[in-house]
N, C-alpha and C. Protein backbone atom coordinates (compact mmCIF):
# COMPACT_ATOMS: atom_id res chain seq x y z
N UNK A 1 11.01 -9.51 22.18
CA UNK A 1 11.50 -8.59 21.16
C UNK A 1 12.32 -9.37 20.13
N UNK A 2 12.20 -8.99 18.89
CA UNK A 2 12.90 -9.65 17.79
C UNK A 2 14.21 -8.91 17.52
N UNK A 3 15.27 -9.37 18.12
CA UNK A 3 16.59 -8.75 18.08
C UNK A 3 17.30 -9.07 16.76
N UNK A 4 17.86 -8.05 16.08
CA UNK A 4 18.59 -8.25 14.83
C UNK A 4 20.05 -8.56 15.16
N UNK A 5 20.51 -9.70 14.71
CA UNK A 5 21.91 -10.08 14.92
C UNK A 5 22.47 -10.63 13.62
N UNK A 6 23.53 -10.02 13.14
CA UNK A 6 24.25 -10.50 11.96
C UNK A 6 25.56 -11.08 12.48
N UNK A 7 25.84 -12.32 12.09
CA UNK A 7 27.04 -13.01 12.57
C UNK A 7 27.86 -13.53 11.39
N UNK A 8 29.12 -13.81 11.64
CA UNK A 8 30.00 -14.36 10.61
C UNK A 8 29.44 -15.68 10.09
N UNK A 9 29.75 -15.99 8.83
CA UNK A 9 29.28 -17.22 8.20
C UNK A 9 29.66 -18.44 9.02
N UNK A 10 28.74 -19.41 9.05
CA UNK A 10 28.98 -20.68 9.74
C UNK A 10 28.66 -21.83 8.79
N UNK A 11 29.60 -22.74 8.65
CA UNK A 11 29.40 -23.91 7.80
C UNK A 11 28.18 -24.72 8.24
N UNK A 12 27.88 -24.67 9.51
CA UNK A 12 26.74 -25.44 10.03
C UNK A 12 25.43 -25.03 9.37
N UNK A 13 25.34 -23.81 8.81
CA UNK A 13 24.12 -23.40 8.12
C UNK A 13 23.86 -24.29 6.92
N UNK A 14 24.90 -24.58 6.16
CA UNK A 14 24.76 -25.46 4.99
C UNK A 14 24.36 -26.86 5.46
N UNK A 15 25.02 -27.35 6.48
CA UNK A 15 24.72 -28.68 7.00
C UNK A 15 23.29 -28.75 7.54
N UNK A 16 22.87 -27.69 8.23
CA UNK A 16 21.51 -27.63 8.75
C UNK A 16 20.51 -27.64 7.59
N UNK A 17 20.80 -26.87 6.55
CA UNK A 17 19.90 -26.86 5.39
C UNK A 17 19.76 -28.27 4.81
N UNK A 18 20.86 -28.99 4.66
CA UNK A 18 20.80 -30.32 4.07
C UNK A 18 19.88 -31.25 4.85
N UNK A 19 19.94 -31.19 6.16
CA UNK A 19 19.07 -32.02 7.00
C UNK A 19 17.62 -31.61 6.80
N UNK A 20 17.36 -30.31 6.88
CA UNK A 20 15.99 -29.81 6.71
C UNK A 20 15.44 -30.13 5.32
N UNK A 21 16.27 -29.94 4.31
CA UNK A 21 15.84 -30.19 2.93
C UNK A 21 15.50 -31.67 2.73
N UNK A 22 16.27 -32.55 3.35
CA UNK A 22 15.96 -33.98 3.26
C UNK A 22 14.61 -34.29 3.88
N UNK A 23 14.34 -33.69 5.03
CA UNK A 23 13.04 -33.88 5.68
C UNK A 23 11.91 -33.33 4.82
N UNK A 24 12.14 -32.15 4.23
CA UNK A 24 11.12 -31.54 3.38
C UNK A 24 10.89 -32.37 2.11
N UNK A 25 11.95 -32.89 1.54
CA UNK A 25 11.81 -33.72 0.34
C UNK A 25 10.97 -34.96 0.65
N UNK A 26 11.25 -35.59 1.80
CA UNK A 26 10.46 -36.77 2.20
C UNK A 26 8.99 -36.39 2.43
N UNK A 27 8.75 -35.24 3.03
CA UNK A 27 7.37 -34.82 3.33
C UNK A 27 6.61 -34.42 2.08
N UNK A 28 7.28 -33.79 1.13
CA UNK A 28 6.60 -33.22 -0.03
C UNK A 28 6.68 -34.08 -1.29
N UNK A 29 7.67 -34.95 -1.37
CA UNK A 29 7.83 -35.77 -2.56
C UNK A 29 7.91 -34.93 -3.82
N UNK A 30 7.19 -35.35 -4.84
CA UNK A 30 7.23 -34.67 -6.14
C UNK A 30 6.47 -33.35 -6.17
N UNK A 31 5.72 -33.07 -5.11
CA UNK A 31 5.04 -31.77 -5.04
C UNK A 31 6.06 -30.64 -5.09
N UNK A 32 7.21 -30.88 -4.48
CA UNK A 32 8.29 -29.88 -4.51
C UNK A 32 9.13 -30.12 -5.76
N UNK A 33 9.00 -29.24 -6.73
CA UNK A 33 9.79 -29.37 -7.95
C UNK A 33 11.25 -29.02 -7.67
N UNK A 34 11.46 -28.09 -6.75
CA UNK A 34 12.80 -27.69 -6.32
C UNK A 34 12.73 -27.40 -4.83
N UNK A 35 13.84 -27.63 -4.16
CA UNK A 35 14.04 -27.19 -2.77
C UNK A 35 15.43 -26.57 -2.75
N UNK A 36 15.49 -25.27 -2.48
CA UNK A 36 16.76 -24.55 -2.57
C UNK A 36 17.05 -23.76 -1.30
N UNK A 37 18.31 -23.72 -0.96
CA UNK A 37 18.81 -22.88 0.12
C UNK A 37 19.01 -21.49 -0.48
N UNK A 38 18.31 -20.50 0.06
CA UNK A 38 18.42 -19.13 -0.44
C UNK A 38 18.78 -18.22 0.73
N UNK A 39 18.89 -16.94 0.46
CA UNK A 39 19.20 -15.99 1.51
C UNK A 39 20.68 -16.01 1.86
N UNK A 40 21.06 -15.18 2.78
CA UNK A 40 22.47 -15.00 3.10
C UNK A 40 23.14 -16.24 3.66
N UNK A 41 22.41 -17.08 4.39
CA UNK A 41 23.04 -18.29 4.93
C UNK A 41 23.42 -19.28 3.83
N UNK A 42 22.93 -19.06 2.62
CA UNK A 42 23.24 -19.96 1.50
C UNK A 42 24.52 -19.57 0.76
N UNK A 43 25.14 -18.47 1.16
CA UNK A 43 26.33 -17.96 0.47
C UNK A 43 27.54 -18.14 1.37
N UNK A 44 28.39 -19.09 1.04
CA UNK A 44 29.57 -19.37 1.86
C UNK A 44 30.40 -18.11 2.05
N UNK A 45 30.74 -17.83 3.31
CA UNK A 45 31.57 -16.68 3.63
C UNK A 45 30.80 -15.41 3.94
N UNK A 46 29.50 -15.37 3.66
CA UNK A 46 28.70 -14.15 3.87
C UNK A 46 28.10 -14.14 5.27
N UNK A 47 28.33 -13.06 6.00
CA UNK A 47 27.70 -12.89 7.31
C UNK A 47 26.19 -12.83 7.12
N UNK A 48 25.46 -13.28 8.13
CA UNK A 48 24.00 -13.36 7.99
C UNK A 48 23.33 -13.36 9.36
N UNK A 49 22.04 -13.10 9.33
CA UNK A 49 21.23 -13.41 10.50
C UNK A 49 21.17 -14.94 10.52
N UNK A 50 21.27 -15.57 11.67
CA UNK A 50 21.30 -17.03 11.72
C UNK A 50 19.91 -17.65 11.52
N UNK A 51 19.37 -17.43 10.33
CA UNK A 51 18.04 -17.94 9.97
C UNK A 51 18.19 -18.63 8.62
N UNK A 52 17.81 -19.89 8.56
CA UNK A 52 17.88 -20.63 7.30
C UNK A 52 16.64 -20.29 6.48
N UNK A 53 16.86 -19.81 5.25
CA UNK A 53 15.77 -19.55 4.31
C UNK A 53 15.76 -20.66 3.27
N UNK A 54 14.59 -21.25 3.09
CA UNK A 54 14.42 -22.34 2.13
C UNK A 54 13.33 -21.94 1.15
N UNK A 55 13.63 -22.10 -0.12
CA UNK A 55 12.63 -21.85 -1.16
C UNK A 55 12.18 -23.19 -1.72
N UNK A 56 10.87 -23.40 -1.69
CA UNK A 56 10.28 -24.59 -2.26
C UNK A 56 9.49 -24.15 -3.49
N UNK A 57 9.80 -24.74 -4.62
CA UNK A 57 9.11 -24.40 -5.87
C UNK A 57 8.07 -25.47 -6.17
N UNK A 58 6.84 -25.01 -6.43
CA UNK A 58 5.73 -25.91 -6.72
C UNK A 58 5.12 -25.54 -8.07
N UNK A 59 4.36 -26.47 -8.64
CA UNK A 59 3.75 -26.22 -9.95
C UNK A 59 2.74 -25.06 -9.90
N UNK A 60 1.91 -25.07 -8.86
CA UNK A 60 0.86 -24.05 -8.76
C UNK A 60 0.78 -23.55 -7.32
N UNK A 61 1.05 -22.30 -7.14
CA UNK A 61 1.04 -21.69 -5.81
C UNK A 61 -0.34 -21.73 -5.18
N UNK A 62 -1.37 -21.61 -6.00
CA UNK A 62 -2.74 -21.52 -5.49
C UNK A 62 -3.27 -22.83 -4.92
N UNK A 63 -2.70 -23.95 -5.33
CA UNK A 63 -3.19 -25.26 -4.89
C UNK A 63 -2.49 -25.64 -3.59
N UNK A 64 -2.84 -24.92 -2.52
CA UNK A 64 -2.14 -25.06 -1.25
C UNK A 64 -2.29 -26.42 -0.60
N UNK A 65 -3.42 -27.08 -0.81
CA UNK A 65 -3.60 -28.38 -0.15
C UNK A 65 -2.52 -29.38 -0.54
N UNK A 66 -1.87 -29.16 -1.68
CA UNK A 66 -0.81 -30.06 -2.12
C UNK A 66 0.43 -29.96 -1.25
N UNK A 67 0.63 -28.84 -0.60
CA UNK A 67 1.84 -28.67 0.21
C UNK A 67 1.59 -28.20 1.63
N UNK A 68 0.51 -27.51 1.91
CA UNK A 68 0.30 -26.96 3.25
C UNK A 68 0.22 -28.04 4.32
N UNK A 69 -0.57 -29.07 4.09
CA UNK A 69 -0.72 -30.13 5.09
C UNK A 69 0.61 -30.83 5.34
N UNK A 70 1.34 -31.11 4.27
CA UNK A 70 2.64 -31.78 4.43
C UNK A 70 3.61 -30.91 5.24
N UNK A 71 3.63 -29.61 4.97
CA UNK A 71 4.52 -28.72 5.71
C UNK A 71 4.09 -28.59 7.17
N UNK A 72 2.79 -28.51 7.40
CA UNK A 72 2.31 -28.42 8.79
C UNK A 72 2.59 -29.72 9.54
N UNK A 73 2.43 -30.86 8.88
CA UNK A 73 2.74 -32.14 9.52
C UNK A 73 4.23 -32.27 9.82
N UNK A 74 5.07 -31.55 9.05
CA UNK A 74 6.52 -31.56 9.28
C UNK A 74 6.93 -30.53 10.34
N UNK A 75 5.96 -29.82 10.91
CA UNK A 75 6.24 -28.91 12.02
C UNK A 75 6.33 -27.44 11.68
N UNK A 76 5.91 -27.06 10.48
CA UNK A 76 5.97 -25.65 10.07
C UNK A 76 4.58 -25.04 10.14
N UNK A 77 4.53 -23.74 10.45
CA UNK A 77 3.28 -23.03 10.58
C UNK A 77 3.10 -22.07 9.41
N UNK A 78 1.93 -22.13 8.82
CA UNK A 78 1.58 -21.23 7.71
C UNK A 78 1.26 -19.85 8.28
N UNK A 79 1.78 -18.81 7.64
CA UNK A 79 1.52 -17.43 8.04
C UNK A 79 0.65 -16.77 6.98
N UNK A 80 -0.63 -16.78 7.20
CA UNK A 80 -1.57 -16.22 6.24
C UNK A 80 -1.51 -14.70 6.20
N UNK A 81 -0.86 -14.08 7.19
CA UNK A 81 -0.76 -12.63 7.23
C UNK A 81 0.37 -12.08 6.37
N UNK A 82 1.10 -12.95 5.69
CA UNK A 82 2.17 -12.51 4.78
C UNK A 82 1.55 -11.70 3.64
N UNK A 83 2.05 -10.50 3.43
CA UNK A 83 1.44 -9.64 2.40
C UNK A 83 2.11 -9.78 1.03
N UNK A 84 3.11 -10.65 0.90
CA UNK A 84 3.76 -10.91 -0.39
C UNK A 84 2.99 -12.02 -1.10
N UNK A 85 2.18 -11.64 -2.07
CA UNK A 85 1.31 -12.60 -2.75
C UNK A 85 2.04 -13.47 -3.77
N UNK A 86 3.35 -13.25 -3.95
CA UNK A 86 4.12 -14.08 -4.88
C UNK A 86 4.62 -15.36 -4.20
N UNK A 87 4.29 -15.52 -2.92
CA UNK A 87 4.73 -16.72 -2.20
C UNK A 87 3.74 -17.05 -1.10
N UNK A 88 3.91 -18.25 -0.55
CA UNK A 88 3.25 -18.65 0.68
C UNK A 88 4.37 -18.83 1.69
N UNK A 89 4.16 -18.35 2.89
CA UNK A 89 5.22 -18.26 3.88
C UNK A 89 4.93 -19.15 5.09
N UNK A 90 5.92 -19.96 5.46
CA UNK A 90 5.83 -20.85 6.60
C UNK A 90 7.02 -20.60 7.52
N UNK A 91 6.81 -20.84 8.81
CA UNK A 91 7.87 -20.68 9.80
C UNK A 91 7.95 -21.93 10.67
N UNK A 92 9.05 -22.03 11.38
CA UNK A 92 9.28 -23.12 12.31
C UNK A 92 8.20 -23.14 13.39
N UNK A 93 8.04 -24.30 13.99
CA UNK A 93 7.14 -24.42 15.13
C UNK A 93 7.83 -23.96 16.40
N UNK A 94 7.09 -23.92 17.50
CA UNK A 94 7.68 -23.51 18.78
C UNK A 94 8.86 -24.42 19.15
N UNK A 95 9.82 -23.84 19.83
CA UNK A 95 10.97 -24.59 20.35
C UNK A 95 11.97 -25.01 19.28
N UNK A 96 11.76 -24.61 18.04
CA UNK A 96 12.68 -25.00 16.96
C UNK A 96 13.52 -23.81 16.52
N UNK A 97 14.69 -24.08 15.92
CA UNK A 97 15.51 -22.97 15.39
C UNK A 97 14.73 -22.21 14.32
N UNK A 98 15.10 -20.96 14.10
CA UNK A 98 14.40 -20.08 13.16
C UNK A 98 14.61 -20.57 11.73
N UNK A 99 13.51 -20.87 11.06
CA UNK A 99 13.50 -21.32 9.67
C UNK A 99 12.42 -20.53 8.93
N UNK A 100 12.76 -20.01 7.75
CA UNK A 100 11.77 -19.36 6.90
C UNK A 100 11.61 -20.22 5.65
N UNK A 101 10.39 -20.60 5.36
CA UNK A 101 10.11 -21.36 4.14
C UNK A 101 9.26 -20.49 3.22
N UNK A 102 9.78 -20.30 2.02
CA UNK A 102 9.11 -19.49 1.00
C UNK A 102 8.67 -20.45 -0.11
N UNK A 103 7.38 -20.65 -0.24
CA UNK A 103 6.86 -21.51 -1.31
C UNK A 103 6.50 -20.59 -2.47
N UNK A 104 7.14 -20.85 -3.62
CA UNK A 104 6.91 -20.02 -4.80
C UNK A 104 6.58 -20.92 -6.00
N UNK A 105 5.95 -20.32 -6.98
CA UNK A 105 5.61 -21.05 -8.19
C UNK A 105 6.86 -21.23 -9.06
N UNK A 106 7.08 -22.45 -9.50
CA UNK A 106 8.23 -22.77 -10.35
C UNK A 106 8.20 -21.91 -11.61
N UNK A 107 9.35 -21.32 -11.92
CA UNK A 107 9.48 -20.50 -13.11
C UNK A 107 9.02 -19.06 -12.94
N UNK A 108 8.47 -18.73 -11.78
CA UNK A 108 7.98 -17.37 -11.56
C UNK A 108 9.14 -16.40 -11.41
N UNK A 109 8.84 -15.14 -11.61
CA UNK A 109 9.85 -14.10 -11.48
C UNK A 109 10.46 -14.11 -10.08
N UNK A 110 9.63 -14.22 -9.06
CA UNK A 110 10.14 -14.18 -7.68
C UNK A 110 11.01 -15.39 -7.37
N UNK A 111 10.67 -16.55 -7.90
CA UNK A 111 11.50 -17.73 -7.70
C UNK A 111 12.87 -17.52 -8.36
N UNK A 112 12.86 -17.10 -9.60
CA UNK A 112 14.10 -16.90 -10.35
C UNK A 112 14.96 -15.79 -9.75
N UNK A 113 14.32 -14.72 -9.30
CA UNK A 113 15.04 -13.59 -8.73
C UNK A 113 15.86 -14.00 -7.50
N UNK A 114 15.26 -14.81 -6.64
CA UNK A 114 15.96 -15.26 -5.44
C UNK A 114 17.12 -16.18 -5.77
N UNK A 115 16.96 -17.01 -6.78
CA UNK A 115 18.06 -17.89 -7.19
C UNK A 115 19.18 -17.09 -7.84
N UNK A 116 18.83 -16.11 -8.67
CA UNK A 116 19.84 -15.27 -9.31
C UNK A 116 20.62 -14.48 -8.27
N UNK A 117 19.94 -13.87 -7.32
CA UNK A 117 20.61 -13.10 -6.27
C UNK A 117 21.61 -13.97 -5.52
N UNK A 118 21.18 -15.16 -5.13
CA UNK A 118 22.06 -16.10 -4.43
C UNK A 118 23.26 -16.47 -5.28
N UNK A 119 23.01 -16.87 -6.51
CA UNK A 119 24.10 -17.33 -7.39
C UNK A 119 25.09 -16.22 -7.70
N UNK A 120 24.59 -15.01 -7.89
CA UNK A 120 25.48 -13.88 -8.16
C UNK A 120 26.38 -13.62 -6.95
N UNK A 121 25.81 -13.60 -5.76
CA UNK A 121 26.62 -13.38 -4.57
C UNK A 121 27.65 -14.50 -4.38
N UNK A 122 27.30 -15.71 -4.74
CA UNK A 122 28.25 -16.82 -4.63
C UNK A 122 29.44 -16.65 -5.56
N UNK A 123 29.23 -15.97 -6.68
CA UNK A 123 30.27 -15.82 -7.69
C UNK A 123 31.02 -14.48 -7.64
N UNK A 124 30.49 -13.51 -6.92
CA UNK A 124 31.05 -12.17 -6.94
C UNK A 124 31.42 -11.71 -5.52
N UNK A 125 32.65 -11.97 -5.09
CA UNK A 125 33.05 -11.63 -3.71
C UNK A 125 32.96 -10.15 -3.37
N UNK A 126 33.17 -9.26 -4.34
CA UNK A 126 33.09 -7.83 -4.04
C UNK A 126 31.65 -7.42 -3.71
N UNK A 127 30.70 -7.93 -4.46
CA UNK A 127 29.29 -7.64 -4.18
C UNK A 127 28.90 -8.23 -2.83
N UNK A 128 29.41 -9.40 -2.56
CA UNK A 128 29.15 -10.07 -1.29
C UNK A 128 29.68 -9.23 -0.13
N UNK A 129 30.90 -8.72 -0.27
CA UNK A 129 31.52 -7.91 0.78
C UNK A 129 30.73 -6.63 1.02
N UNK A 130 30.30 -5.97 -0.05
CA UNK A 130 29.51 -4.74 0.07
C UNK A 130 28.20 -5.02 0.80
N UNK A 131 27.54 -6.08 0.43
CA UNK A 131 26.27 -6.46 1.05
C UNK A 131 26.48 -6.74 2.54
N UNK A 132 27.52 -7.44 2.86
CA UNK A 132 27.84 -7.77 4.25
C UNK A 132 28.08 -6.49 5.07
N UNK A 133 28.83 -5.55 4.53
CA UNK A 133 29.10 -4.30 5.24
C UNK A 133 27.80 -3.55 5.54
N UNK A 134 26.92 -3.50 4.57
CA UNK A 134 25.64 -2.81 4.77
C UNK A 134 24.82 -3.53 5.84
N UNK A 135 24.80 -4.84 5.79
CA UNK A 135 24.01 -5.60 6.78
C UNK A 135 24.54 -5.39 8.20
N UNK A 136 25.85 -5.42 8.37
CA UNK A 136 26.42 -5.17 9.69
C UNK A 136 26.03 -3.78 10.20
N UNK A 137 26.15 -2.78 9.34
CA UNK A 137 25.81 -1.41 9.73
C UNK A 137 24.34 -1.27 10.09
N UNK A 138 23.47 -1.87 9.31
CA UNK A 138 22.04 -1.79 9.58
C UNK A 138 21.66 -2.55 10.85
N UNK A 139 22.30 -3.68 11.07
CA UNK A 139 22.02 -4.45 12.29
C UNK A 139 22.40 -3.67 13.53
N UNK A 140 23.49 -2.93 13.44
CA UNK A 140 23.90 -2.09 14.56
C UNK A 140 22.92 -0.93 14.76
N UNK A 141 22.53 -0.32 13.67
CA UNK A 141 21.65 0.85 13.74
C UNK A 141 20.22 0.50 14.14
N UNK A 142 19.72 -0.64 13.60
CA UNK A 142 18.32 -1.02 13.81
C UNK A 142 18.19 -2.33 14.58
N UNK A 143 18.98 -2.49 15.59
CA UNK A 143 19.05 -3.75 16.34
C UNK A 143 17.68 -4.26 16.80
N UNK A 144 16.76 -3.35 17.09
CA UNK A 144 15.44 -3.74 17.61
C UNK A 144 14.29 -3.38 16.66
N UNK A 145 14.61 -3.16 15.39
CA UNK A 145 13.59 -2.74 14.43
C UNK A 145 13.77 -3.50 13.11
N UNK A 146 13.16 -4.68 13.05
CA UNK A 146 13.32 -5.57 11.89
C UNK A 146 12.86 -4.89 10.60
N UNK A 147 11.74 -4.18 10.65
CA UNK A 147 11.23 -3.54 9.43
C UNK A 147 12.21 -2.50 8.90
N UNK A 148 12.79 -1.70 9.78
CA UNK A 148 13.77 -0.70 9.35
C UNK A 148 15.02 -1.37 8.80
N UNK A 149 15.42 -2.47 9.39
CA UNK A 149 16.58 -3.22 8.90
C UNK A 149 16.32 -3.71 7.46
N UNK A 150 15.15 -4.29 7.24
CA UNK A 150 14.80 -4.80 5.91
C UNK A 150 14.70 -3.65 4.90
N UNK A 151 14.03 -2.57 5.26
CA UNK A 151 13.93 -1.41 4.36
C UNK A 151 15.32 -0.85 4.05
N UNK A 152 16.19 -0.84 5.04
CA UNK A 152 17.54 -0.31 4.85
C UNK A 152 18.35 -1.09 3.84
N UNK A 153 18.06 -2.37 3.68
CA UNK A 153 18.80 -3.20 2.73
C UNK A 153 18.34 -3.01 1.28
N UNK A 154 17.19 -2.43 1.08
CA UNK A 154 16.60 -2.36 -0.27
C UNK A 154 17.53 -1.75 -1.30
N UNK A 155 18.16 -0.64 -0.99
CA UNK A 155 19.00 0.04 -1.98
C UNK A 155 20.16 -0.85 -2.44
N UNK A 156 20.85 -1.48 -1.50
CA UNK A 156 21.99 -2.32 -1.88
C UNK A 156 21.51 -3.60 -2.58
N UNK A 157 20.39 -4.14 -2.15
CA UNK A 157 19.86 -5.36 -2.80
C UNK A 157 19.53 -5.06 -4.26
N UNK A 158 18.85 -3.94 -4.53
CA UNK A 158 18.50 -3.61 -5.92
C UNK A 158 19.73 -3.27 -6.75
N UNK A 159 20.73 -2.65 -6.14
CA UNK A 159 21.98 -2.38 -6.85
C UNK A 159 22.66 -3.69 -7.24
N UNK A 160 22.68 -4.64 -6.32
CA UNK A 160 23.27 -5.96 -6.61
C UNK A 160 22.46 -6.67 -7.68
N UNK A 161 21.15 -6.57 -7.61
CA UNK A 161 20.31 -7.24 -8.62
C UNK A 161 20.52 -6.64 -10.01
N UNK A 162 20.76 -5.33 -10.09
CA UNK A 162 21.06 -4.73 -11.40
C UNK A 162 22.36 -5.31 -11.94
N UNK A 163 23.36 -5.44 -11.09
CA UNK A 163 24.63 -6.05 -11.49
C UNK A 163 24.42 -7.51 -11.88
N UNK A 164 23.61 -8.21 -11.10
CA UNK A 164 23.34 -9.62 -11.35
C UNK A 164 22.64 -9.81 -12.69
N UNK A 165 21.78 -8.87 -13.05
CA UNK A 165 21.08 -8.96 -14.33
C UNK A 165 22.09 -8.92 -15.49
N UNK A 166 23.01 -7.95 -15.45
CA UNK A 166 24.04 -7.87 -16.49
C UNK A 166 24.91 -9.12 -16.51
N UNK A 167 25.29 -9.59 -15.33
CA UNK A 167 26.09 -10.80 -15.21
C UNK A 167 25.35 -12.00 -15.80
N UNK A 168 24.04 -12.09 -15.52
CA UNK A 168 23.26 -13.23 -16.01
C UNK A 168 23.21 -13.25 -17.54
N UNK A 169 23.11 -12.07 -18.14
CA UNK A 169 23.09 -12.02 -19.60
C UNK A 169 24.44 -12.39 -20.18
N UNK A 170 25.49 -11.91 -19.56
CA UNK A 170 26.85 -12.21 -20.03
C UNK A 170 27.20 -13.69 -19.85
N UNK A 171 26.77 -14.25 -18.75
CA UNK A 171 27.08 -15.65 -18.43
C UNK A 171 26.08 -16.64 -19.01
N UNK A 172 24.92 -16.14 -19.43
CA UNK A 172 23.87 -17.06 -19.86
C UNK A 172 23.32 -17.82 -18.66
N UNK A 173 23.20 -17.14 -17.54
CA UNK A 173 22.78 -17.77 -16.29
C UNK A 173 21.42 -18.42 -16.41
N UNK A 174 21.29 -19.54 -15.79
CA UNK A 174 20.00 -20.18 -15.53
C UNK A 174 20.19 -20.97 -14.25
N UNK A 175 19.10 -21.22 -13.54
CA UNK A 175 19.23 -21.95 -12.28
C UNK A 175 19.85 -23.32 -12.51
N UNK A 176 20.74 -23.68 -11.62
CA UNK A 176 21.29 -25.04 -11.66
C UNK A 176 20.28 -26.04 -11.15
N UNK A 177 20.75 -27.22 -10.85
CA UNK A 177 19.85 -28.23 -10.31
C UNK A 177 19.41 -27.83 -8.91
N UNK A 178 18.30 -28.34 -8.50
CA UNK A 178 17.75 -28.09 -7.16
C UNK A 178 18.76 -28.54 -6.10
N UNK A 179 18.78 -27.84 -4.98
CA UNK A 179 19.69 -28.19 -3.89
C UNK A 179 19.29 -29.49 -3.19
N UNK A 180 18.03 -29.88 -3.34
CA UNK A 180 17.56 -31.13 -2.69
C UNK A 180 16.44 -31.76 -3.50
């Protein structure tokens, strides 16, 4: 069973990302235009499910041979059953800690959206606190139902993204340099 657990922020998530990102950079070379830590574990102080989410940005999402073999050789498994066509999704191999790799096309809406969401939460502690409260509540309510947990977050995520949109216009936001 896939148990939902939200835990207090751990610095080790950042450190773990750095190690993984270094391995991915060596495996992918210039194929990876960006390698970024995304998701809740990328926001210092934010409680999260202890799963490292990594976004890899490539020139062309459709040209999978450029990255699929390298990722599989690095121990990640491609999930062709992913129904989100804006990305290609890879997971850790057996016996490894939970890692989600989201390969997206550089400059795409979905790539930018994930970076904006992360950056906004890093800069706005009140939004971060609200998101954390919702996640804790949903994890308690849907401890054994991952789909319900994810659906339950939609309202707060879109509310935060609306705020992030206004913030991005006011700040002139654009993605910083790649994390790796």
